[in-house]
């Protein structure tokens, strides 16, 4: 839901001239990969 994404990652949401919001899905993948790498390191440290 674009409004929910916008609260966390506003740079991933585009708002057109009529106020319609859309999520730029292609830009989410790099963020998810970096998040996963960070969480993997954190999990390894906790283990």
ModelCIF file with pLDDT and N, C-alpha, C, O atoms, coordinates in Angstrom:
data_MODEL
#
_entry.id   MODEL 
#
_entity.id                         1 
_entity.type                       polymer 
_entity.pdbx_number_of_molecules   1 
#
_entity_poly.entity_id                      1 
_entity_poly.type                           'polypeptide(L)' 
_entity_poly.nstd_linkage                   no 
_entity_poly.nstd_monomer                   no 
_entity_poly.pdbx_seq_one_letter_code       
;(UNK)(UNK)(UNK)(UNK)(UNK)(UNK)(UNK)(UNK)(UNK)(UNK)(UNK)(UNK)(UNK)(UNK)(UNK)(UNK)
(UNK)(UNK)(UNK)(UNK)(UNK)(UNK)(UNK)(UNK)(UNK)(UNK)(UNK)(UNK)(UNK)(UNK)(UNK)(UNK)
(UNK)(UNK)(UNK)(UNK)(UNK)(UNK)(UNK)(UNK)(UNK)(UNK)(UNK)(UNK)(UNK)(UNK)(UNK)
;
_entity_poly.pdbx_seq_one_letter_code_can   XXXXXXXXXXXXXXXXXXXXXXXXXXXXXXXXXXXXXXXXXXXXXXX 
_entity_poly.pdbx_strand_id                 A 
#
loop_
_entity_poly_seq.entity_id 
_entity_poly_seq.num 
_entity_poly_seq.mon_id 
_entity_poly_seq.hetero 
1 1  UNK n 
1 2  UNK n 
1 3  UNK n 
1 4  UNK n 
1 5  UNK n 
1 6  UNK n 
1 7  UNK n 
1 8  UNK n 
1 9  UNK n 
1 10 UNK n 
1 11 UNK n 
1 12 UNK n 
1 13 UNK n 
1 14 UNK n 
1 15 UNK n 
1 16 UNK n 
1 17 UNK n 
1 18 UNK n 
1 19 UNK n 
1 20 UNK n 
1 21 UNK n 
1 22 UNK n 
1 23 UNK n 
1 24 UNK n 
1 25 UNK n 
1 26 UNK n 
1 27 UNK n 
1 28 UNK n 
1 29 UNK n 
1 30 UNK n 
1 31 UNK n 
1 32 UNK n 
1 33 UNK n 
1 34 UNK n 
1 35 UNK n 
1 36 UNK n 
1 37 UNK n 
1 38 UNK n 
1 39 UNK n 
1 40 UNK n 
1 41 UNK n 
1 42 UNK n 
1 43 UNK n 
1 44 UNK n 
1 45 UNK n 
1 46 UNK n 
1 47 UNK n 
#
_struct_asym.id          A 
_struct_asym.entity_id   1 
#
loop_
_ma_qa_metric.id 
_ma_qa_metric.mode 
_ma_qa_metric.name 
_ma_qa_metric.software_group_id 
_ma_qa_metric.type 
1 global pLDDT . pLDDT 
2 local  pLDDT . pLDDT 
#
_ma_qa_metric_global.metric_id      1 
_ma_qa_metric_global.metric_value   95.30 
_ma_qa_metric_global.model_id       1 
_ma_qa_metric_global.ordinal_id     1 
#
loop_
_ma_qa_metric_local.label_asym_id 
_ma_qa_metric_local.label_comp_id 
_ma_qa_metric_local.label_seq_id 
_ma_qa_metric_local.metric_id 
_ma_qa_metric_local.metric_value 
_ma_qa_metric_local.model_id 
_ma_qa_metric_local.ordinal_id 
A UNK 1  2 94.00 1 1  
A UNK 2  2 95.00 1 2  
A UNK 3  2 95.00 1 3  
A UNK 4  2 95.00 1 4  
A UNK 5  2 95.00 1 5  
A UNK 6  2 96.00 1 6  
A UNK 7  2 97.00 1 7  
A UNK 8  2 94.00 1 8  
A UNK 9  2 93.00 1 9  
A UNK 10 2 95.00 1 10 
A UNK 11 2 94.00 1 11 
A UNK 12 2 94.00 1 12 
A UNK 13 2 96.00 1 13 
A UNK 14 2 95.00 1 14 
A UNK 15 2 96.00 1 15 
A UNK 16 2 96.00 1 16 
A UNK 17 2 96.00 1 17 
A UNK 18 2 95.00 1 18 
A UNK 19 2 94.00 1 19 
A UNK 20 2 94.00 1 20 
A UNK 21 2 96.00 1 21 
A UNK 22 2 95.00 1 22 
A UNK 23 2 94.00 1 23 
A UNK 24 2 94.00 1 24 
A UNK 25 2 92.00 1 25 
A UNK 26 2 92.00 1 26 
A UNK 27 2 93.00 1 27 
A UNK 28 2 92.00 1 28 
A UNK 29 2 92.00 1 29 
A UNK 30 2 93.00 1 30 
A UNK 31 2 92.00 1 31 
A UNK 32 2 92.00 1 32 
A UNK 33 2 96.00 1 33 
A UNK 34 2 96.00 1 34 
A UNK 35 2 95.00 1 35 
A UNK 36 2 98.00 1 36 
A UNK 37 2 98.00 1 37 
A UNK 38 2 98.00 1 38 
A UNK 39 2 98.00 1 39 
A UNK 40 2 98.00 1 40 
A UNK 41 2 98.00 1 41 
A UNK 42 2 98.00 1 42 
A UNK 43 2 98.00 1 43 
A UNK 44 2 98.00 1 44 
A UNK 45 2 98.00 1 45 
A UNK 46 2 98.00 1 46 
A UNK 47 2 98.00 1 47 
#
loop_
_atom_site.group_PDB 
_atom_site.id 
_atom_site.type_symbol 
_atom_site.label_atom_id 
_atom_site.label_alt_id 
_atom_site.label_comp_id 
_atom_site.label_asym_id 
_atom_site.label_entity_id 
_atom_site.label_seq_id 
_atom_site.pdbx_PDB_ins_code 
_atom_site.Cartn_x 
_atom_site.Cartn_y 
_atom_site.Cartn_z 
_atom_site.occupancy 
_atom_site.B_iso_or_equiv 
_atom_site.pdbx_formal_charge 
_atom_site.auth_seq_id 
_atom_site.auth_comp_id 
_atom_site.auth_asym_id 
_atom_site.auth_atom_id 
_atom_site.pdbx_PDB_model_num 
ATOM 1   N N  . UNK A 1 1  ? 0.877  -1.165  0.000   1.00 94.00 ? 1  UNK A N  1 
ATOM 2   C CA . UNK A 1 1  ? 0.000  0.000   0.000   1.00 94.00 ? 1  UNK A CA 1 
ATOM 3   C C  . UNK A 1 1  ? 0.919  1.221   0.000   1.00 94.00 ? 1  UNK A C  1 
ATOM 4   O O  . UNK A 1 1  ? 1.723  1.406   0.913   1.00 94.00 ? 1  UNK A O  1 
ATOM 5   N N  . UNK A 1 2  ? 0.789  2.043   -1.028  1.00 95.00 ? 2  UNK A N  1 
ATOM 6   C CA . UNK A 1 2  ? 1.713  3.162   -1.232  1.00 95.00 ? 2  UNK A CA 1 
ATOM 7   C C  . UNK A 1 2  ? 1.784  4.077   -0.011  1.00 95.00 ? 2  UNK A C  1 
ATOM 8   O O  . UNK A 1 2  ? 2.869  4.528   0.356   1.00 95.00 ? 2  UNK A O  1 
ATOM 9   N N  . UNK A 1 3  ? 0.660  4.354   0.613   1.00 95.00 ? 3  UNK A N  1 
ATOM 10  C CA . UNK A 1 3  ? 0.658  5.241   1.777   1.00 95.00 ? 3  UNK A CA 1 
ATOM 11  C C  . UNK A 1 3  ? 1.454  4.652   2.935   1.00 95.00 ? 3  UNK A C  1 
ATOM 12  O O  . UNK A 1 3  ? 2.088  5.395   3.684   1.00 95.00 ? 3  UNK A O  1 
ATOM 13  N N  . UNK A 1 4  ? 1.432  3.339   3.094   1.00 95.00 ? 4  UNK A N  1 
ATOM 14  C CA . UNK A 1 4  ? 2.207  2.698   4.162   1.00 95.00 ? 4  UNK A CA 1 
ATOM 15  C C  . UNK A 1 4  ? 3.693  2.729   3.849   1.00 95.00 ? 4  UNK A C  1 
ATOM 16  O O  . UNK A 1 4  ? 4.512  2.984   4.731   1.00 95.00 ? 4  UNK A O  1 
ATOM 17  N N  . UNK A 1 5  ? 4.040  2.472   2.604   1.00 95.00 ? 5  UNK A N  1 
ATOM 18  C CA . UNK A 1 5  ? 5.449  2.533   2.201   1.00 95.00 ? 5  UNK A CA 1 
ATOM 19  C C  . UNK A 1 5  ? 5.963  3.958   2.370   1.00 95.00 ? 5  UNK A C  1 
ATOM 20  O O  . UNK A 1 5  ? 7.083  4.169   2.833   1.00 95.00 ? 5  UNK A O  1 
ATOM 21  N N  . UNK A 1 6  ? 5.154  4.917   1.998   1.00 96.00 ? 6  UNK A N  1 
ATOM 22  C CA . UNK A 1 6  ? 5.554  6.325   2.056   1.00 96.00 ? 6  UNK A CA 1 
ATOM 23  C C  . UNK A 1 6  ? 5.928  6.750   3.469   1.00 96.00 ? 6  UNK A C  1 
ATOM 24  O O  . UNK A 1 6  ? 6.806  7.596   3.640   1.00 96.00 ? 6  UNK A O  1 
ATOM 25  N N  . UNK A 1 7  ? 5.284  6.183   4.483   1.00 97.00 ? 7  UNK A N  1 
ATOM 26  C CA . UNK A 1 7  ? 5.599  6.530   5.871   1.00 97.00 ? 7  UNK A CA 1 
ATOM 27  C C  . UNK A 1 7  ? 6.999  6.077   6.262   1.00 97.00 ? 7  UNK A C  1 
ATOM 28  O O  . UNK A 1 7  ? 7.646  6.705   7.100   1.00 97.00 ? 7  UNK A O  1 
ATOM 29  N N  . UNK A 1 8  ? 7.470  4.984   5.656   1.00 94.00 ? 8  UNK A N  1 
ATOM 30  C CA . UNK A 1 8  ? 8.765  4.407   6.020   1.00 94.00 ? 8  UNK A CA 1 
ATOM 31  C C  . UNK A 1 8  ? 9.854  4.790   5.019   1.00 94.00 ? 8  UNK A C  1 
ATOM 32  O O  . UNK A 1 8  ? 10.962 5.162   5.405   1.00 94.00 ? 8  UNK A O  1 
ATOM 33  N N  . UNK A 1 9  ? 9.526  4.696   3.734   1.00 93.00 ? 9  UNK A N  1 
ATOM 34  C CA . UNK A 1 9  ? 10.488 4.964   2.661   1.00 93.00 ? 9  UNK A CA 1 
ATOM 35  C C  . UNK A 1 9  ? 9.845  5.878   1.605   1.00 93.00 ? 9  UNK A C  1 
ATOM 36  O O  . UNK A 1 9  ? 9.478  5.419   0.523   1.00 93.00 ? 9  UNK A O  1 
ATOM 37  N N  . UNK A 1 10 ? 9.713  7.152   1.924   1.00 95.00 ? 10 UNK A N  1 
ATOM 38  C CA . UNK A 1 10 ? 9.013  8.053   1.010   1.00 95.00 ? 10 UNK A CA 1 
ATOM 39  C C  . UNK A 1 10 ? 9.658  8.148   -0.373  1.00 95.00 ? 10 UNK A C  1 
ATOM 40  O O  . UNK A 1 10 ? 8.980  8.465   -1.350  1.00 95.00 ? 10 UNK A O  1 
ATOM 41  N N  . UNK A 1 11 ? 10.946 7.878   -0.462  1.00 94.00 ? 11 UNK A N  1 
ATOM 42  C CA . UNK A 1 11 ? 11.629 7.967   -1.760  1.00 94.00 ? 11 UNK A CA 1 
ATOM 43  C C  . UNK A 1 11 ? 11.192 6.877   -2.728  1.00 94.00 ? 11 UNK A C  1 
ATOM 44  O O  . UNK A 1 11 ? 11.504 6.951   -3.917  1.00 94.00 ? 11 UNK A O  1 
ATOM 45  N N  . UNK A 1 12 ? 10.485 5.880   -2.249  1.00 94.00 ? 12 UNK A N  1 
ATOM 46  C CA . UNK A 1 12 ? 10.007 4.797   -3.113  1.00 94.00 ? 12 UNK A CA 1 
ATOM 47  C C  . UNK A 1 12 ? 8.586  5.012   -3.627  1.00 94.00 ? 12 UNK A C  1 
ATOM 48  O O  . UNK A 1 12 ? 8.047  4.181   -4.358  1.00 94.00 ? 12 UNK A O  1 
ATOM 49  N N  . UNK A 1 13 ? 7.988  6.134   -3.238  1.00 96.00 ? 13 UNK A N  1 
ATOM 50  C CA . UNK A 1 13 ? 6.609  6.394   -3.637  1.00 96.00 ? 13 UNK A CA 1 
ATOM 51  C C  . UNK A 1 13 ? 6.564  7.601   -4.567  1.00 96.00 ? 13 UNK A C  1 
ATOM 52  O O  . UNK A 1 13 ? 7.146  8.648   -4.284  1.00 96.00 ? 13 UNK A O  1 
ATOM 53  N N  . UNK A 1 14 ? 5.866  7.432   -5.670  1.00 95.00 ? 14 UNK A N  1 
ATOM 54  C CA . UNK A 1 14 ? 5.668  8.516   -6.634  1.00 95.00 ? 14 UNK A CA 1 
ATOM 55  C C  . UNK A 1 14 ? 4.216  8.984   -6.535  1.00 95.00 ? 14 UNK A C  1 
ATOM 56  O O  . UNK A 1 14 ? 3.289  8.176   -6.483  1.00 95.00 ? 14 UNK A O  1 
ATOM 57  N N  . UNK A 1 15 ? 4.042  10.300  -6.511  1.00 96.00 ? 15 UNK A N  1 
ATOM 58  C CA . UNK A 1 15 ? 2.700  10.870  -6.509  1.00 96.00 ? 15 UNK A CA 1 
ATOM 59  C C  . UNK A 1 15 ? 2.531  11.649  -7.809  1.00 96.00 ? 15 UNK A C  1 
ATOM 60  O O  . UNK A 1 15 ? 3.295  12.571  -8.093  1.00 96.00 ? 15 UNK A O  1 
ATOM 61  N N  . UNK A 1 16 ? 1.526  11.273  -8.594  1.00 96.00 ? 16 UNK A N  1 
ATOM 62  C CA . UNK A 1 16 ? 1.327  11.953  -9.880  1.00 96.00 ? 16 UNK A CA 1 
ATOM 63  C C  . UNK A 1 16 ? 0.574  13.274  -9.673  1.00 96.00 ? 16 UNK A C  1 
ATOM 64  O O  . UNK A 1 16 ? 0.236  13.625  -8.542  1.00 96.00 ? 16 UNK A O  1 
ATOM 65  N N  . UNK A 1 17 ? 0.318  13.987  -10.738 1.00 96.00 ? 17 UNK A N  1 
ATOM 66  C CA . UNK A 1 17 ? -0.322 15.292  -10.675 1.00 96.00 ? 17 UNK A CA 1 
ATOM 67  C C  . UNK A 1 17 ? -1.726 15.274  -10.113 1.00 96.00 ? 17 UNK A C  1 
ATOM 68  O O  . UNK A 1 17 ? -2.230 16.308  -9.674  1.00 96.00 ? 17 UNK A O  1 
ATOM 69  N N  . UNK A 1 18 ? -2.366 14.122  -10.120 1.00 95.00 ? 18 UNK A N  1 
ATOM 70  C CA . UNK A 1 18 ? -3.727 13.995  -9.588  1.00 95.00 ? 18 UNK A CA 1 
ATOM 71  C C  . UNK A 1 18 ? -3.751 13.460  -8.156  1.00 95.00 ? 18 UNK A C  1 
ATOM 72  O O  . UNK A 1 18 ? -4.818 13.199  -7.600  1.00 95.00 ? 18 UNK A O  1 
ATOM 73  N N  . UNK A 1 19 ? -2.558 13.299  -7.564  1.00 94.00 ? 19 UNK A N  1 
ATOM 74  C CA . UNK A 1 19 ? -2.473 12.820  -6.190  1.00 94.00 ? 19 UNK A CA 1 
ATOM 75  C C  . UNK A 1 19 ? -2.475 11.305  -6.044  1.00 94.00 ? 19 UNK A C  1 
ATOM 76  O O  . UNK A 1 19 ? -2.478 10.784  -4.929  1.00 94.00 ? 19 UNK A O  1 
ATOM 77  N N  . UNK A 1 20 ? -2.473 10.594  -7.181  1.00 94.00 ? 20 UNK A N  1 
ATOM 78  C CA . UNK A 1 20 ? -2.424 9.129   -7.119  1.00 94.00 ? 20 UNK A CA 1 
ATOM 79  C C  . UNK A 1 20 ? -1.007 8.690   -6.776  1.00 94.00 ? 20 UNK A C  1 
ATOM 80  O O  . UNK A 1 20 ? -0.035 9.176   -7.355  1.00 94.00 ? 20 UNK A O  1 
ATOM 81  N N  . UNK A 1 21 ? -0.904 7.774   -5.836  1.00 96.00 ? 21 UNK A N  1 
ATOM 82  C CA . UNK A 1 21 ? 0.401  7.285   -5.387  1.00 96.00 ? 21 UNK A CA 1 
ATOM 83  C C  . UNK A 1 21 ? 0.683  5.911   -5.959  1.00 96.00 ? 21 UNK A C  1 
ATOM 84  O O  . UNK A 1 21 ? -0.216 5.089   -6.134  1.00 96.00 ? 21 UNK A O  1 
ATOM 85  N N  . UNK A 1 22 ? 1.966  5.682   -6.247  1.00 95.00 ? 22 UNK A N  1 
ATOM 86  C CA . UNK A 1 22 ? 2.383  4.364   -6.720  1.00 95.00 ? 22 UNK A CA 1 
ATOM 87  C C  . UNK A 1 22 ? 3.763  4.059   -6.144  1.00 95.00 ? 22 UNK A C  1 
ATOM 88  O O  . UNK A 1 22 ? 4.575  4.955   -5.915  1.00 95.00 ? 22 UNK A O  1 
ATOM 89  N N  . UNK A 1 23 ? 4.002  2.786   -5.920  1.00 94.00 ? 23 UNK A N  1 
ATOM 90  C CA . UNK A 1 23 ? 5.274  2.330   -5.361  1.00 94.00 ? 23 UNK A CA 1 
ATOM 91  C C  . UNK A 1 23 ? 6.211  1.980   -6.509  1.00 94.00 ? 23 UNK A C  1 
ATOM 92  O O  . UNK A 1 23 ? 5.815  1.320   -7.470  1.00 94.00 ? 23 UNK A O  1 
ATOM 93  N N  . UNK A 1 24 ? 7.447  2.426   -6.400  1.00 94.00 ? 24 UNK A N  1 
ATOM 94  C CA . UNK A 1 24 ? 8.463  2.115   -7.397  1.00 94.00 ? 24 UNK A CA 1 
ATOM 95  C C  . UNK A 1 24 ? 9.121  0.796   -6.984  1.00 94.00 ? 24 UNK A C  1 
ATOM 96  O O  . UNK A 1 24 ? 10.149 0.779   -6.308  1.00 94.00 ? 24 UNK A O  1 
ATOM 97  N N  . UNK A 1 25 ? 8.502  -0.298  -7.408  1.00 92.00 ? 25 UNK A N  1 
ATOM 98  C CA . UNK A 1 25 ? 8.913  -1.628  -6.948  1.00 92.00 ? 25 UNK A CA 1 
ATOM 99  C C  . UNK A 1 25 ? 10.352 -1.989  -7.312  1.00 92.00 ? 25 UNK A C  1 
ATOM 100 O O  . UNK A 1 25 ? 11.029 -2.667  -6.539  1.00 92.00 ? 25 UNK A O  1 
ATOM 101 N N  . UNK A 1 26 ? 10.819 -1.553  -8.455  1.00 92.00 ? 26 UNK A N  1 
ATOM 102 C CA . UNK A 1 26 ? 12.185 -1.876  -8.859  1.00 92.00 ? 26 UNK A CA 1 
ATOM 103 C C  . UNK A 1 26 ? 13.233 -1.343  -7.905  1.00 92.00 ? 26 UNK A C  1 
ATOM 104 O O  . UNK A 1 26 ? 14.329 -1.895  -7.809  1.00 92.00 ? 26 UNK A O  1 
ATOM 105 N N  . UNK A 1 27 ? 12.904 -0.272  -7.198  1.00 93.00 ? 27 UNK A N  1 
ATOM 106 C CA . UNK A 1 27 ? 13.855 0.322   -6.257  1.00 93.00 ? 27 UNK A CA 1 
ATOM 107 C C  . UNK A 1 27 ? 13.832 -0.345  -4.889  1.00 93.00 ? 27 UNK A C  1 
ATOM 108 O O  . UNK A 1 27 ? 14.679 -0.047  -4.047  1.00 93.00 ? 27 UNK A O  1 
ATOM 109 N N  . UNK A 1 28 ? 12.890 -1.232  -4.654  1.00 92.00 ? 28 UNK A N  1 
ATOM 110 C CA . UNK A 1 28 ? 12.798 -1.902  -3.360  1.00 92.00 ? 28 UNK A CA 1 
ATOM 111 C C  . UNK A 1 28 ? 13.846 -3.007  -3.223  1.00 92.00 ? 28 UNK A C  1 
ATOM 112 O O  . UNK A 1 28 ? 14.367 -3.231  -2.130  1.00 92.00 ? 28 UNK A O  1 
ATOM 113 N N  . UNK A 1 29 ? 14.155 -3.690  -4.304  1.00 92.00 ? 29 UNK A N  1 
ATOM 114 C CA . UNK A 1 29 ? 15.063 -4.854  -4.254  1.00 92.00 ? 29 UNK A CA 1 
ATOM 115 C C  . UNK A 1 29 ? 16.412 -4.509  -3.638  1.00 92.00 ? 29 UNK A C  1 
ATOM 116 O O  . UNK A 1 29 ? 16.838 -5.215  -2.723  1.00 92.00 ? 29 UNK A O  1 
ATOM 117 N N  . UNK A 1 30 ? 17.116 -3.460  -4.087  1.00 93.00 ? 30 UNK A N  1 
ATOM 118 C CA . UNK A 1 30 ? 18.415 -3.168  -3.462  1.00 93.00 ? 30 UNK A CA 1 
ATOM 119 C C  . UNK A 1 30 ? 18.306 -2.896  -1.962  1.00 93.00 ? 30 UNK A C  1 
ATOM 120 O O  . UNK A 1 30 ? 19.183 -3.287  -1.192  1.00 93.00 ? 30 UNK A O  1 
ATOM 121 N N  . UNK A 1 31 ? 17.232 -2.229  -1.552  1.00 92.00 ? 31 UNK A N  1 
ATOM 122 C CA . UNK A 1 31 ? 17.046 -1.974  -0.122  1.00 92.00 ? 31 UNK A CA 1 
ATOM 123 C C  . UNK A 1 31 ? 16.841 -3.263  0.657   1.00 92.00 ? 31 UNK A C  1 
ATOM 124 O O  . UNK A 1 31 ? 17.378 -3.425  1.753   1.00 92.00 ? 31 UNK A O  1 
ATOM 125 N N  . UNK A 1 32 ? 16.067 -4.176  0.093   1.00 92.00 ? 32 UNK A N  1 
ATOM 126 C CA . UNK A 1 32 ? 15.832 -5.451  0.764   1.00 92.00 ? 32 UNK A CA 1 
ATOM 127 C C  . UNK A 1 32 ? 17.106 -6.282  0.864   1.00 92.00 ? 32 UNK A C  1 
ATOM 128 O O  . UNK A 1 32 ? 17.342 -6.944  1.874   1.00 92.00 ? 32 UNK A O  1 
ATOM 129 N N  . UNK A 1 33 ? 17.918 -6.247  -0.174  1.00 96.00 ? 33 UNK A N  1 
ATOM 130 C CA . UNK A 1 33 ? 19.183 -6.994  -0.146  1.00 96.00 ? 33 UNK A CA 1 
ATOM 131 C C  . UNK A 1 33 ? 20.099 -6.433  0.947   1.00 96.00 ? 33 UNK A C  1 
ATOM 132 O O  . UNK A 1 33 ? 20.698 -7.192  1.708   1.00 96.00 ? 33 UNK A O  1 
ATOM 133 N N  . UNK A 1 34 ? 20.206 -5.107  1.021   1.00 96.00 ? 34 UNK A N  1 
ATOM 134 C CA . UNK A 1 34 ? 21.049 -4.501  2.053   1.00 96.00 ? 34 UNK A CA 1 
ATOM 135 C C  . UNK A 1 34 ? 20.506 -4.784  3.450   1.00 96.00 ? 34 UNK A C  1 
ATOM 136 O O  . UNK A 1 34 ? 21.275 -5.047  4.375   1.00 96.00 ? 34 UNK A O  1 
ATOM 137 N N  . UNK A 1 35 ? 19.193 -4.730  3.605   1.00 95.00 ? 35 UNK A N  1 
ATOM 138 C CA . UNK A 1 35 ? 18.580 -5.045  4.894   1.00 95.00 ? 35 UNK A CA 1 
ATOM 139 C C  . UNK A 1 35 ? 18.892 -6.490  5.287   1.00 95.00 ? 35 UNK A C  1 
ATOM 140 O O  . UNK A 1 35 ? 19.237 -6.767  6.436   1.00 95.00 ? 35 UNK A O  1 
ATOM 141 N N  . UNK A 1 36 ? 18.769 -7.407  4.323   1.00 98.00 ? 36 UNK A N  1 
ATOM 142 C CA . UNK A 1 36 ? 19.031 -8.815  4.596   1.00 98.00 ? 36 UNK A CA 1 
ATOM 143 C C  . UNK A 1 36 ? 20.486 -9.010  5.030   1.00 98.00 ? 36 UNK A C  1 
ATOM 144 O O  . UNK A 1 36 ? 20.750 -9.724  5.997   1.00 98.00 ? 36 UNK A O  1 
ATOM 145 N N  . UNK A 1 37 ? 21.418 -8.389  4.332   1.00 98.00 ? 37 UNK A N  1 
ATOM 146 C CA . UNK A 1 37 ? 22.836 -8.531  4.692   1.00 98.00 ? 37 UNK A CA 1 
ATOM 147 C C  . UNK A 1 37 ? 23.075 -8.023  6.108   1.00 98.00 ? 37 UNK A C  1 
ATOM 148 O O  . UNK A 1 37 ? 23.787 -8.660  6.884   1.00 98.00 ? 37 UNK A O  1 
ATOM 149 N N  . UNK A 1 38 ? 22.488 -6.885  6.447   1.00 98.00 ? 38 UNK A N  1 
ATOM 150 C CA . UNK A 1 38 ? 22.642 -6.323  7.787   1.00 98.00 ? 38 UNK A CA 1 
ATOM 151 C C  . UNK A 1 38 ? 22.058 -7.263  8.842   1.00 98.00 ? 38 UNK A C  1 
ATOM 152 O O  . UNK A 1 38 ? 22.689 -7.520  9.868   1.00 98.00 ? 38 UNK A O  1 
ATOM 153 N N  . UNK A 1 39 ? 20.870 -7.767  8.592   1.00 98.00 ? 39 UNK A N  1 
ATOM 154 C CA . UNK A 1 39 ? 20.220 -8.660  9.556   1.00 98.00 ? 39 UNK A CA 1 
ATOM 155 C C  . UNK A 1 39 ? 20.962 -9.985  9.693   1.00 98.00 ? 39 UNK A C  1 
ATOM 156 O O  . UNK A 1 39 ? 20.986 -10.566 10.778  1.00 98.00 ? 39 UNK A O  1 
ATOM 157 N N  . UNK A 1 40 ? 21.565 -10.470 8.614   1.00 98.00 ? 40 UNK A N  1 
ATOM 158 C CA . UNK A 1 40 ? 22.353 -11.713 8.665   1.00 98.00 ? 40 UNK A CA 1 
ATOM 159 C C  . UNK A 1 40 ? 23.561 -11.530 9.575   1.00 98.00 ? 40 UNK A C  1 
ATOM 160 O O  . UNK A 1 40 ? 23.854 -12.395 10.401  1.00 98.00 ? 40 UNK A O  1 
ATOM 161 N N  . UNK A 1 41 ? 24.257 -10.415 9.428   1.00 98.00 ? 41 UNK A N  1 
ATOM 162 C CA . UNK A 1 41 ? 25.406 -10.126 10.292  1.00 98.00 ? 41 UNK A CA 1 
ATOM 163 C C  . UNK A 1 41 ? 24.942 -10.036 11.743  1.00 98.00 ? 41 UNK A C  1 
ATOM 164 O O  . UNK A 1 41 ? 25.578 -10.591 12.639  1.00 98.00 ? 41 UNK A O  1 
ATOM 165 N N  . UNK A 1 42 ? 23.847 -9.345  11.967  1.00 98.00 ? 42 UNK A N  1 
ATOM 166 C CA . UNK A 1 42 ? 23.314 -9.195  13.328  1.00 98.00 ? 42 UNK A CA 1 
ATOM 167 C C  . UNK A 1 42 ? 22.935 -10.549 13.923  1.00 98.00 ? 42 UNK A C  1 
ATOM 168 O O  . UNK A 1 42 ? 23.235 -10.821 15.086  1.00 98.00 ? 42 UNK A O  1 
ATOM 169 N N  . UNK A 1 43 ? 22.284 -11.390 13.140  1.00 98.00 ? 43 UNK A N  1 
ATOM 170 C CA . UNK A 1 43 ? 21.894 -12.718 13.627  1.00 98.00 ? 43 UNK A CA 1 
ATOM 171 C C  . UNK A 1 43 ? 23.122 -13.561 13.950  1.00 98.00 ? 43 UNK A C  1 
ATOM 172 O O  . UNK A 1 43 ? 23.144 -14.259 14.963  1.00 98.00 ? 43 UNK A O  1 
ATOM 173 N N  . UNK A 1 44 ? 24.142 -13.502 13.099  1.00 98.00 ? 44 UNK A N  1 
ATOM 174 C CA . UNK A 1 44 ? 25.375 -14.256 13.356  1.00 98.00 ? 44 UNK A CA 1 
ATOM 175 C C  . UNK A 1 44 ? 26.035 -13.797 14.656  1.00 98.00 ? 44 UNK A C  1 
ATOM 176 O O  . UNK A 1 44 ? 26.503 -14.619 15.444  1.00 98.00 ? 44 UNK A O  1 
ATOM 177 N N  . UNK A 1 45 ? 26.072 -12.480 14.875  1.00 98.00 ? 45 UNK A N  1 
ATOM 178 C CA . UNK A 1 45 ? 26.663 -11.947 16.098  1.00 98.00 ? 45 UNK A CA 1 
ATOM 179 C C  . UNK A 1 45 ? 25.878 -12.403 17.329  1.00 98.00 ? 45 UNK A C  1 
ATOM 180 O O  . UNK A 1 45 ? 26.470 -12.765 18.346  1.00 98.00 ? 45 UNK A O  1 
ATOM 181 N N  . UNK A 1 46 ? 24.559 -12.387 17.238  1.00 98.00 ? 46 UNK A N  1 
ATOM 182 C CA . UNK A 1 46 ? 23.732 -12.824 18.364  1.00 98.00 ? 46 UNK A CA 1 
ATOM 183 C C  . UNK A 1 46 ? 23.907 -14.312 18.645  1.00 98.00 ? 46 UNK A C  1 
ATOM 184 O O  . UNK A 1 46 ? 23.938 -14.725 19.804  1.00 98.00 ? 46 UNK A O  1 
ATOM 185 N N  . UNK A 1 47 ? 24.021 -15.114 17.597  1.00 98.00 ? 47 UNK A N  1 
ATOM 186 C CA . UNK A 1 47 ? 24.257 -16.551 17.791  1.00 98.00 ? 47 UNK A CA 1 
ATOM 187 C C  . UNK A 1 47 ? 25.586 -16.795 18.485  1.00 98.00 ? 47 UNK A C  1 
ATOM 188 O O  . UNK A 1 47 ? 25.952 -17.944 18.731  1.00 98.00 ? 47 UNK A O  1 
#
